[in-house]
């Protein structure tokens, strides 16, 4: 349990009033006129100019005796840039107070062509959705649109598919190398459309190997973080659960870890990912994320959270509910959110699109590597299969049952699951089998469905049907015997 020292009401926190450093870029090094800056800048900011330095195409201006937030407001409104442009500067890139960055220019979100969407009915959606390997969750329109900008058409389709199951709406497509289902909750974990219930029901609908919550969050440390930096939640702490006493409060939440395989994949496979953050490349941090129902915009409250959880990288509103639902369903999950503000009483939406973009971009980069989900055990329990979380039985000398099935189906039925009617003879649903792809790809998709309990049949029936065609195949016989021993 964590002890909290905050009780009572919040009060205004004074901001620094001097020692502000503005950094920026020049159009051309020879055009900058420091004397004009020294003459005009005090009239806008109310302070005095301590020094003006220029080197190459960079400049630094020190301001004394002015209020930090007022200077930041002038920068965000464009007034600072307008004044400095008259004296040969291009723009203000950063405003620093000590080690902390209080303003920075944001890179433009790259324009991406979004694939066309085709609406389908619930029956068709249900037939497709079982093939999704990853469930993607978002909570705001900005987050959803950022993810959609990275999604490609659904396999064997020219469109992103859109439809509904019950009260939930889904988009189906490919993110990176994997078929995904995207759905959204409202902000927060609670309520009938919050992340807790949305995640739990969506996990039942999709039966995916992994769940990824993508979006935006507030940062904790202006000195070590910048807007757009991505936080991958190694664990979530629900800070709302407290015992509130007369003199102090005690946090009673339990820290919830992310999926062990996803944790490893994002730590190792984020290498090589690059996004320009305007003043420097965007960074990825992996660690503790706080989660609560409050939309935090109060510096004192944020600092109290930082005091109680000194290792926390940021905070948001949906992670606690989604992590709890994933744990209940025994499915791997991870939260990936980028910093959009600092929860310090000066919230605005300026960085929201860029932060949502960087989070979605990182997830797309990781999922673009075909083997990143290898090692995640399906939690589905179709007839004759293992229980949730169990390890697949080994077939002597030929790997796991799923690896063996993939190899044998591709070798023995080169044109795909329709060859010799093997899929139909095993009780499989032919409408769910890929038609316009090569045999190996069709089998890869079909076996993925079986792993998640879809396709209308199971591995035991498929292997039995294959043995009817190839009774002397020793690998098939070993696989069949291994499956019988497991049941």
Protein backbone atom coordinates (compact mmCIF):
# COMPACT_ATOMS: atom_id res chain seq x y z
CA UNK A 1 0.00 0.00 0.00
CA UNK A 2 1.15 3.52 -0.77
CA UNK A 3 0.66 6.30 1.76
CA UNK A 4 -0.72 9.53 0.36
CA UNK A 5 0.03 12.81 2.10
CA UNK A 6 -2.66 14.85 0.40
CA UNK A 7 -5.77 15.90 2.23
CA UNK A 8 -7.85 19.04 1.95
CA UNK A 9 -8.36 21.38 -0.99
CA UNK A 10 -5.83 22.34 -3.65
CA UNK A 11 -4.33 25.80 -3.84
CA UNK A 12 -2.74 27.80 -6.63
CA UNK A 13 0.90 26.98 -7.22
CA UNK A 14 3.18 29.88 -8.11
CA UNK A 15 5.09 29.60 -11.37
CA UNK A 16 8.65 30.84 -11.86
CA UNK A 17 8.84 34.58 -12.59
CA UNK A 18 12.37 34.83 -13.95
CA UNK A 19 15.15 32.89 -15.62
CA UNK A 20 13.19 31.94 -18.73
CA UNK A 21 15.19 30.77 -21.74
CA UNK A 22 13.67 30.85 -25.22
CA UNK A 23 15.34 28.80 -27.93
CA UNK A 24 14.47 28.89 -31.61
CA UNK A 25 15.46 28.85 -35.23
CA UNK A 26 16.41 31.58 -37.70
CA UNK A 27 15.46 31.83 -41.36
CA UNK A 28 19.07 32.69 -42.24
CA UNK A 29 21.93 33.34 -39.84
CA UNK A 30 22.76 36.76 -41.26
CA UNK A 31 19.23 38.20 -40.99
CA UNK A 32 18.85 38.14 -37.19
CA UNK A 33 18.69 41.57 -35.50
CA UNK A 34 19.24 41.22 -31.73
CA UNK A 35 18.86 44.95 -31.07
CA UNK A 36 15.29 44.88 -32.37
CA UNK A 37 14.47 41.87 -30.19
CA UNK A 38 15.88 43.61 -27.09
CA UNK A 39 13.81 46.71 -27.85
CA UNK A 40 10.44 45.06 -28.66
CA UNK A 41 10.25 41.89 -26.55
CA UNK A 42 9.83 43.62 -23.14
CA UNK A 43 6.72 45.38 -24.45
CA UNK A 44 5.05 42.01 -25.08
CA UNK A 45 6.27 39.98 -22.10
CA UNK A 46 6.60 42.69 -19.44
CA UNK A 47 10.10 41.55 -18.51
CA UNK A 48 13.60 42.45 -19.60
CA UNK A 49 15.95 40.72 -22.00
CA UNK A 50 19.01 39.41 -20.19
CA UNK A 51 20.94 38.23 -23.24
CA UNK A 52 20.48 37.36 -26.89
CA UNK A 53 22.79 34.84 -28.55
CA UNK A 54 22.75 33.53 -32.10
CA UNK A 55 24.90 30.84 -33.65
CA UNK A 56 24.33 29.45 -37.09
CA UNK A 57 20.58 29.15 -37.50
CA UNK A 58 19.83 28.88 -33.77
CA UNK A 59 19.12 31.59 -31.24
CA UNK A 60 18.71 31.81 -27.46
CA UNK A 61 16.99 34.65 -25.59
CA UNK A 62 17.02 34.96 -21.80
CA UNK A 63 14.04 36.72 -20.20
CA UNK A 64 14.00 38.05 -16.64
CA UNK A 65 11.22 39.37 -14.44
CA UNK A 66 8.24 38.04 -16.42
CA UNK A 67 5.65 35.37 -15.70
CA UNK A 68 6.37 32.01 -17.26
CA UNK A 69 2.80 31.10 -18.12
CA UNK A 70 2.18 34.43 -19.81
CA UNK A 71 5.21 33.88 -22.03
CA UNK A 72 3.98 30.34 -22.83
CA UNK A 73 0.53 31.71 -23.69
CA UNK A 74 2.11 34.21 -26.09
CA UNK A 75 4.03 31.37 -27.73
CA UNK A 76 0.93 29.20 -28.09
CA UNK A 77 -1.08 32.08 -29.56
CA UNK A 78 1.63 32.83 -32.13
CA UNK A 79 2.32 36.33 -30.76
CA UNK A 80 5.95 35.53 -29.92
CA UNK A 81 6.67 34.13 -33.37
CA UNK A 82 5.03 37.15 -35.00
CA UNK A 83 7.22 39.57 -33.03
CA UNK A 84 10.44 37.64 -33.61
CA UNK A 85 9.81 37.24 -37.34
CA UNK A 86 10.06 41.02 -37.69
CA UNK A 87 13.67 40.70 -36.55
CA UNK A 88 14.78 37.78 -38.72
CA UNK A 89 13.80 34.78 -36.58
CA UNK A 90 11.68 31.88 -37.86
CA UNK A 91 10.03 30.58 -34.72
CA UNK A 92 10.37 29.80 -31.02
CA UNK A 93 11.19 26.11 -30.64
CA UNK A 94 11.35 25.78 -26.84
CA UNK A 95 10.74 27.75 -23.66
CA UNK A 96 12.75 26.48 -20.72
CA UNK A 97 12.72 27.26 -17.00
CA UNK A 98 15.64 25.53 -15.36
CA UNK A 99 15.66 21.94 -16.60
CA UNK A 100 11.95 21.93 -17.45
CA UNK A 101 10.53 22.51 -20.92
CA UNK A 102 7.24 24.46 -20.76
CA UNK A 103 6.68 25.00 -24.48
CA UNK A 104 7.85 23.22 -27.59
CA UNK A 105 6.89 23.29 -31.23
CA UNK A 106 5.09 20.18 -32.39
CA UNK A 107 5.88 18.35 -35.59
CA UNK A 108 3.01 18.22 -38.01
CA UNK A 109 1.13 14.95 -38.09
CA UNK A 110 2.02 13.38 -41.45
CA UNK A 111 -0.89 13.18 -43.86
CA UNK A 112 -1.83 9.54 -44.38
CA UNK A 113 -4.39 8.19 -46.82
CA UNK A 114 -7.00 6.21 -44.88
CA UNK A 115 -8.35 3.09 -46.58
CA UNK A 116 -12.01 3.14 -47.62
CA UNK A 117 -14.51 1.58 -45.23
CA UNK A 118 -17.24 -0.92 -46.14
CA UNK A 119 -20.16 -1.49 -43.77
CA UNK A 120 -21.14 -5.13 -43.17
CA UNK A 121 -23.94 -6.75 -41.17
CA UNK A 122 -23.45 -8.44 -37.81
CA UNK A 123 -23.48 -11.94 -39.32
CA UNK A 124 -20.65 -11.15 -41.71
CA UNK A 125 -18.78 -9.28 -38.99
CA UNK A 126 -19.06 -12.29 -36.67
CA UNK A 127 -17.62 -14.55 -39.37
CA UNK A 128 -14.62 -12.26 -39.91
CA UNK A 129 -13.88 -11.08 -36.39
CA UNK A 130 -12.73 -14.50 -35.11
CA UNK A 131 -9.74 -14.18 -37.43
CA UNK A 132 -8.43 -11.04 -35.69
CA UNK A 133 -5.24 -11.68 -33.75
CA UNK A 134 -5.21 -8.34 -31.91
CA UNK A 135 -7.97 -6.32 -30.24
CA UNK A 136 -7.25 -2.57 -30.32
CA UNK A 137 -8.99 -0.30 -27.79
CA UNK A 138 -9.26 3.51 -27.89
CA UNK A 139 -11.33 6.01 -25.90
CA UNK A 140 -11.53 9.24 -27.93
CA UNK A 141 -12.21 10.19 -31.53
CA UNK A 142 -8.66 11.56 -31.87
CA UNK A 143 -7.19 8.24 -30.74
CA UNK A 144 -9.49 6.23 -33.01
CA UNK A 145 -8.69 8.33 -36.08
CA UNK A 146 -4.95 8.06 -35.40
CA UNK A 147 -5.17 4.25 -35.30
CA UNK A 148 -7.36 4.12 -38.41
CA UNK A 149 -4.72 6.10 -40.31
CA UNK A 150 -2.33 3.14 -39.86
CA UNK A 151 -4.84 0.37 -40.57
CA UNK A 152 -4.80 -1.34 -43.97
CA UNK A 153 -7.71 -3.20 -45.57
CA UNK A 154 -8.87 -6.51 -44.11
CA UNK A 155 -7.13 -9.56 -45.66
CA UNK A 156 -8.64 -10.50 -49.05
CA UNK A 157 -10.54 -7.20 -49.12
CA UNK A 158 -9.98 -3.73 -50.51
CA UNK A 159 -11.66 -2.14 -47.49
CA UNK A 160 -11.55 -1.68 -43.76
CA UNK A 161 -14.69 -3.51 -42.62
CA UNK A 162 -17.08 -1.77 -40.22
CA UNK A 163 -19.94 -3.35 -38.32
CA UNK A 164 -21.57 -3.94 -34.95
CA UNK A 165 -22.03 -6.77 -32.48
CA UNK A 166 -24.49 -5.96 -29.71
CA UNK A 167 -23.76 -2.47 -28.39
CA UNK A 168 -20.19 -2.46 -29.74
CA UNK A 169 -18.98 -1.16 -33.09
CA UNK A 170 -15.85 -2.54 -34.74
CA UNK A 171 -13.41 -1.75 -37.52
CA UNK A 172 -11.57 -4.74 -39.00
CA UNK A 173 -8.30 -4.36 -40.87
CA UNK A 174 -4.58 -5.06 -40.72
CA UNK A 175 -2.24 -3.15 -38.40
CA UNK A 176 1.32 -3.96 -39.27
CA UNK A 177 1.31 -7.65 -40.21
CA UNK A 178 -1.68 -8.72 -38.13
CA UNK A 179 -5.46 -8.73 -38.61
CA UNK A 180 -6.97 -6.51 -35.90
CA UNK A 181 -10.36 -5.48 -34.53
CA UNK A 182 -10.67 -1.87 -33.32
CA UNK A 183 -13.36 -0.72 -30.89
CA UNK A 184 -13.77 2.24 -28.54
CA UNK A 185 -15.02 2.91 -25.03
CA UNK A 186 -15.93 6.25 -23.51
CA UNK A 187 -13.35 8.01 -21.35
CA UNK A 188 -12.72 6.34 -18.00
CA UNK A 189 -13.04 2.80 -16.70
CA UNK A 190 -16.48 2.97 -15.09
CA UNK A 191 -19.99 3.11 -16.49
CA UNK A 192 -21.76 0.87 -18.97
CA UNK A 193 -19.55 2.03 -21.86
CA UNK A 194 -16.31 2.55 -19.91
CA UNK A 195 -13.15 0.58 -20.61
CA UNK A 196 -13.87 -2.18 -18.06
CA UNK A 197 -17.08 -3.48 -19.64
CA UNK A 198 -16.06 -2.57 -23.19
CA UNK A 199 -12.80 -4.50 -22.91
CA UNK A 200 -14.42 -7.53 -21.27
CA UNK A 201 -17.19 -7.80 -23.88
CA UNK A 202 -14.84 -7.10 -26.78
CA UNK A 203 -12.44 -9.80 -25.59
CA UNK A 204 -15.38 -12.23 -25.68
CA UNK A 205 -16.37 -11.08 -29.18
CA UNK A 206 -12.92 -11.16 -30.73
CA UNK A 207 -11.09 -13.87 -28.74
CA UNK A 208 -7.80 -12.28 -29.81
CA UNK A 209 -4.31 -13.35 -28.82
CA UNK A 210 -3.50 -9.86 -27.51
CA UNK A 211 -5.17 -6.58 -26.51
CA UNK A 212 -3.52 -3.18 -27.02
CA UNK A 213 -4.93 0.05 -25.55
CA UNK A 214 -3.70 3.00 -27.64
CA UNK A 215 -4.09 6.68 -26.84
CA UNK A 216 -2.92 9.77 -24.98
CA UNK A 217 -1.88 10.42 -21.38
CA UNK A 218 -0.42 13.13 -19.16
CA UNK A 219 3.28 13.21 -18.37
CA UNK A 220 4.95 13.58 -14.98
CA UNK A 221 8.33 15.19 -15.58
CA UNK A 222 8.91 18.13 -17.93
CA UNK A 223 12.66 17.80 -17.39
CA UNK A 224 12.85 14.19 -18.63
CA UNK A 225 9.85 13.93 -20.95
CA UNK A 226 8.48 15.85 -23.93
CA UNK A 227 5.10 16.02 -25.63
CA UNK A 228 4.65 13.06 -27.95
CA UNK A 229 6.95 10.74 -25.99
CA UNK A 230 5.36 7.29 -25.79
CA UNK A 231 4.77 5.45 -22.52
CA UNK A 232 4.41 1.67 -22.64
CA UNK A 233 2.75 0.57 -19.41
CA UNK A 234 4.75 -2.22 -17.85
CA UNK A 235 2.16 -2.01 -15.08
CA UNK A 236 -0.92 0.00 -14.10
CA UNK A 237 -1.74 1.32 -10.62
CA UNK A 238 -5.37 2.34 -9.92
CA UNK A 239 -4.77 5.36 -7.70
CA UNK A 240 -8.48 6.03 -6.98
CA UNK A 241 -8.72 3.16 -4.47
CA UNK A 242 -7.87 4.80 -1.13
CA UNK A 243 -8.60 4.80 2.56
CA UNK A 244 -9.21 8.46 3.38
CA UNK A 245 -8.40 9.36 7.00
CA UNK A 246 -8.32 12.54 9.04
CA UNK A 247 -4.62 13.21 8.55
CA UNK A 248 -3.73 11.28 5.39
CA UNK A 249 -4.92 8.87 2.76
CA UNK A 250 -3.58 5.39 2.01
CA UNK A 251 -3.66 3.94 -1.49
CA UNK A 252 -5.20 0.45 -1.46
CA UNK A 253 -4.94 -0.36 -5.16
CA UNK A 254 -3.00 -3.35 -6.46
CA UNK A 255 -0.44 -2.88 -9.22
CA UNK A 256 -1.47 -4.79 -12.37
CA UNK A 257 1.23 -6.02 -14.80
CA UNK A 258 0.96 -6.10 -18.57
CA UNK A 259 1.34 -9.31 -20.58
CA UNK A 260 4.81 -10.78 -20.23
CA UNK A 261 5.24 -11.50 -23.96
CA UNK A 262 3.96 -8.07 -25.03
CA UNK A 263 6.23 -6.45 -22.45
CA UNK A 264 9.23 -8.15 -24.01
CA UNK A 265 8.17 -7.42 -27.58
CA UNK A 266 7.68 -3.69 -27.06
CA UNK A 267 10.94 -3.42 -25.14
CA UNK A 268 12.99 -5.23 -27.79
CA UNK A 269 11.11 -4.48 -31.01
CA UNK A 270 10.74 -0.71 -30.55
CA UNK A 271 14.31 -0.35 -31.74
CA UNK A 272 14.52 1.20 -35.16
CA UNK A 273 11.31 3.19 -34.70
CA UNK A 274 11.82 6.91 -35.30
CA UNK A 275 9.49 9.90 -35.25
CA UNK A 276 10.62 13.54 -35.35
CA UNK A 277 9.31 15.36 -32.29
CA UNK A 278 10.07 18.86 -33.54
CA UNK A 279 12.89 19.69 -31.13
CA UNK A 280 14.25 16.13 -30.89
CA UNK A 281 13.29 12.53 -31.76
CA UNK A 282 10.32 11.08 -29.88
CA UNK A 283 11.37 8.70 -27.10
CA UNK A 284 9.81 5.53 -25.71
CA UNK A 285 9.63 4.88 -21.96
CA UNK A 286 8.44 1.65 -20.38
CA UNK A 287 7.28 1.52 -16.75
CA UNK A 288 4.49 2.37 -14.32
CA UNK A 289 1.35 4.20 -15.48
CA UNK A 290 -1.24 5.60 -13.07
CA UNK A 291 -4.92 5.23 -13.89
CA UNK A 292 -8.01 6.87 -12.40
CA UNK A 293 -11.41 8.31 -13.20
CA UNK A 294 -10.29 11.92 -12.85
CA UNK A 295 -9.42 14.10 -15.84
CA UNK A 296 -6.47 15.63 -14.01
CA UNK A 297 -5.71 19.30 -14.69
CA UNK A 298 -4.33 20.49 -11.37
CA UNK A 299 -0.63 20.88 -10.68
CA UNK A 300 -0.90 20.29 -6.94
CA UNK A 301 -2.86 17.06 -7.39
CA UNK A 302 -0.48 15.91 -10.14
CA UNK A 303 2.52 16.63 -7.90
CA UNK A 304 0.91 14.72 -5.02
CA UNK A 305 0.54 11.71 -7.31
CA UNK A 306 4.16 12.13 -8.31
CA UNK A 307 5.17 12.23 -4.64
CA UNK A 308 3.18 9.08 -3.82
CA UNK A 309 4.36 7.22 -6.95
CA UNK A 310 7.87 8.54 -7.71
CA UNK A 311 8.50 5.94 -10.44
CA UNK A 312 5.28 6.67 -12.36
CA UNK A 313 5.81 7.91 -15.91
CA UNK A 314 2.32 9.32 -16.46
CA UNK A 315 -1.39 8.97 -15.91
CA UNK A 316 -4.59 8.29 -17.83
CA UNK A 317 -8.20 7.10 -17.34
CA UNK A 318 -8.89 3.76 -19.07
CA UNK A 319 -5.97 1.47 -18.26
CA UNK A 320 -7.10 0.16 -14.86
CA UNK A 321 -10.41 -1.10 -16.19
CA UNK A 322 -8.94 -2.61 -19.34
CA UNK A 323 -6.09 -4.34 -17.48
CA UNK A 324 -8.56 -5.79 -14.95
CA UNK A 325 -10.75 -7.18 -17.76
CA UNK A 326 -7.77 -8.68 -19.57
CA UNK A 327 -6.58 -10.32 -16.34
CA UNK A 328 -10.06 -11.77 -15.77
CA UNK A 329 -10.11 -13.17 -19.30
CA UNK A 330 -6.49 -14.38 -19.01
CA UNK A 331 -5.44 -12.61 -22.20
CA UNK A 332 -2.22 -10.68 -22.83
CA UNK A 333 -2.61 -6.91 -22.76
CA UNK A 334 -0.50 -3.78 -22.92
CA UNK A 335 -1.20 -0.03 -22.84
CA UNK A 336 0.65 2.30 -25.23
CA UNK A 337 -0.08 6.01 -24.76
CA UNK A 338 1.82 9.17 -25.63
CA UNK A 339 2.15 12.37 -23.58
CA UNK A 340 -0.27 15.10 -24.66
CA UNK A 341 -0.08 17.46 -21.63
CA UNK A 342 1.21 17.79 -18.07
CA UNK A 343 -2.03 17.86 -16.00
CA UNK A 344 -0.87 21.10 -14.38
CA UNK A 345 -3.84 23.43 -14.83
CA UNK A 346 -2.99 24.46 -18.39
CA UNK A 347 -4.55 21.71 -20.49
CA UNK A 348 -5.25 22.29 -24.16
CA UNK A 349 -5.65 20.06 -27.20
CA UNK A 350 -2.59 21.35 -29.08
CA UNK A 351 -0.57 18.15 -28.75
CA UNK A 352 -3.43 15.60 -28.82
CA UNK A 353 -3.24 14.69 -32.54
CA UNK A 354 0.55 14.34 -32.51
CA UNK A 355 0.55 12.25 -29.31
CA UNK A 356 -2.15 9.93 -30.63
CA UNK A 357 -0.16 9.60 -33.87
CA UNK A 358 3.11 8.65 -32.15
CA UNK A 359 1.39 6.00 -29.99
CA UNK A 360 -0.35 4.44 -33.00
CA UNK A 361 2.86 4.63 -35.02
CA UNK A 362 4.83 2.70 -32.41
CA UNK A 363 2.21 -0.06 -32.20
CA UNK A 364 2.15 -0.34 -36.00
CA UNK A 365 5.95 -0.61 -36.04
CA UNK A 366 6.00 -3.42 -33.47
CA UNK A 367 3.13 -5.34 -35.11
CA UNK A 368 4.90 -5.09 -38.48
CA UNK A 369 7.20 -7.86 -37.32
CA UNK A 370 5.56 -11.21 -38.04
CA UNK A 371 6.74 -13.14 -35.00
CA UNK A 372 5.96 -10.62 -32.25
CA UNK A 373 2.94 -12.59 -31.02
CA UNK A 374 4.77 -15.91 -31.03
CA UNK A 375 4.85 -17.31 -27.52
CA UNK A 376 1.39 -16.03 -26.57
CA UNK A 377 -0.79 -19.01 -25.70
CA UNK A 378 -4.40 -18.80 -26.84
CA UNK A 379 -6.93 -18.70 -23.99
CA UNK A 380 -9.75 -20.25 -26.00
CA UNK A 381 -11.16 -23.57 -24.85
CA UNK A 382 -12.90 -25.27 -27.78
CA UNK A 383 -14.05 -28.86 -27.49
CA UNK A 384 -11.08 -31.17 -27.04
CA UNK A 385 -8.57 -28.34 -26.53
CA UNK A 386 -6.50 -27.38 -23.51
CA UNK A 387 -7.59 -25.07 -20.72
CA UNK A 388 -6.78 -21.36 -20.66
CA UNK A 389 -3.14 -20.56 -20.27
CA UNK A 390 -1.94 -24.16 -20.66
CA UNK A 391 1.19 -24.91 -22.65
CA UNK A 392 0.66 -26.70 -25.94
CA UNK A 393 1.84 -30.34 -25.90
CA UNK A 394 5.10 -31.15 -27.64
CA UNK A 395 5.27 -33.69 -30.45
CA UNK A 396 8.60 -35.45 -30.28
CA UNK A 397 11.06 -33.79 -32.63
CA UNK A 398 8.52 -31.57 -34.38
CA UNK A 399 7.67 -28.70 -31.99
CA UNK A 400 4.26 -27.59 -30.69
CA UNK A 401 0.98 -28.95 -32.03
CA UNK A 402 0.23 -25.69 -33.87
CA UNK A 403 3.67 -25.49 -35.49
CA UNK A 404 3.30 -29.11 -36.57
CA UNK A 405 -0.18 -28.55 -37.99
CA UNK A 406 0.98 -25.52 -39.99
CA UNK A 407 3.85 -27.48 -41.50
CA UNK A 408 1.85 -30.59 -42.34
CA UNK A 409 -1.16 -28.82 -43.83
CA UNK A 410 1.05 -26.73 -46.13
CA UNK A 411 3.00 -29.86 -47.21
CA UNK A 412 0.06 -32.24 -47.72
CA UNK A 413 -2.61 -29.86 -49.04
CA UNK A 414 -0.69 -27.35 -51.16
CA UNK A 415 -3.73 -25.60 -52.62
CA UNK A 416 -5.30 -24.89 -49.22
CA UNK A 417 -8.04 -26.11 -46.84
CA UNK A 418 -10.46 -26.86 -49.71
CA UNK A 419 -8.20 -29.55 -51.18
CA UNK A 420 -9.85 -33.01 -50.85
CA UNK A 421 -12.58 -31.22 -48.87
CA UNK A 422 -10.45 -31.80 -45.77
CA UNK A 423 -11.71 -28.70 -43.97
CA UNK A 424 -15.37 -29.52 -44.66
CA UNK A 425 -14.93 -33.21 -43.76
CA UNK A 426 -13.57 -32.10 -40.38
CA UNK A 427 -16.73 -30.06 -39.77
CA UNK A 428 -15.14 -26.72 -40.66
CA UNK A 429 -17.04 -23.72 -41.99
CA UNK A 430 -15.93 -23.15 -45.59
CA UNK A 431 -17.25 -19.57 -45.58
CA UNK A 432 -14.46 -18.64 -43.18
CA UNK A 433 -11.66 -20.01 -45.34
CA UNK A 434 -9.58 -17.68 -47.51
CA UNK A 435 -10.16 -18.25 -51.23
CA UNK A 436 -8.10 -15.73 -53.19
CA UNK A 437 -4.73 -16.43 -51.60
CA UNK A 438 -2.06 -19.09 -51.97
CA UNK A 439 -2.43 -22.37 -50.09
CA UNK A 440 0.17 -21.65 -47.42
CA UNK A 441 -1.39 -18.29 -46.55
CA UNK A 442 -4.86 -19.84 -46.47
CA UNK A 443 -3.67 -22.52 -44.06
CA UNK A 444 -1.89 -19.98 -41.88
CA UNK A 445 -5.14 -18.03 -41.49
CA UNK A 446 -7.16 -21.20 -40.91
CA UNK A 447 -4.83 -22.49 -38.20
CA UNK A 448 -4.92 -19.11 -36.46
CA UNK A 449 -8.70 -19.43 -36.34
CA UNK A 450 -8.40 -22.89 -34.82
CA UNK A 451 -5.99 -21.59 -32.17
CA UNK A 452 -8.63 -19.11 -31.06
CA UNK A 453 -11.53 -21.58 -31.16
CA UNK A 454 -13.00 -20.40 -34.47
CA UNK A 455 -13.55 -21.96 -37.87
CA UNK A 456 -16.33 -24.37 -36.84
CA UNK A 457 -13.97 -27.23 -36.01
CA UNK A 458 -10.88 -28.02 -33.91
CA UNK A 459 -7.39 -29.42 -34.28
CA UNK A 460 -8.35 -32.99 -33.33
CA UNK A 461 -10.98 -33.21 -36.09
CA UNK A 462 -8.63 -31.70 -38.68
CA UNK A 463 -5.84 -34.14 -37.84
CA UNK A 464 -8.28 -37.07 -37.91
CA UNK A 465 -9.50 -36.04 -41.36
CA UNK A 466 -5.90 -35.71 -42.58
CA UNK A 467 -5.09 -39.20 -41.30
CA UNK A 468 -7.88 -40.57 -43.48
CA UNK A 469 -5.98 -39.25 -46.51
CA UNK A 470 -2.45 -40.04 -45.27
CA UNK A 471 -2.68 -42.96 -42.78
CA UNK A 472 1.03 -43.81 -43.15
CA UNK A 473 2.35 -40.31 -42.45
CA UNK A 474 4.46 -40.72 -39.30
CA UNK A 475 4.35 -37.02 -38.32
CA UNK A 476 0.55 -37.02 -38.51
CA UNK A 477 0.38 -40.17 -36.40
CA UNK A 478 2.68 -38.65 -33.77
CA UNK A 479 0.60 -35.47 -33.66
CA UNK A 480 -2.66 -37.44 -33.38
CA UNK A 481 -1.26 -39.57 -30.52
CA UNK A 482 0.02 -36.46 -28.71
CA UNK A 483 -3.40 -34.79 -28.93
CA UNK A 484 -5.12 -37.91 -27.59
CA UNK A 485 -2.73 -38.04 -24.63
CA UNK A 486 -3.43 -34.37 -23.84
CA UNK A 487 -7.19 -35.03 -23.59
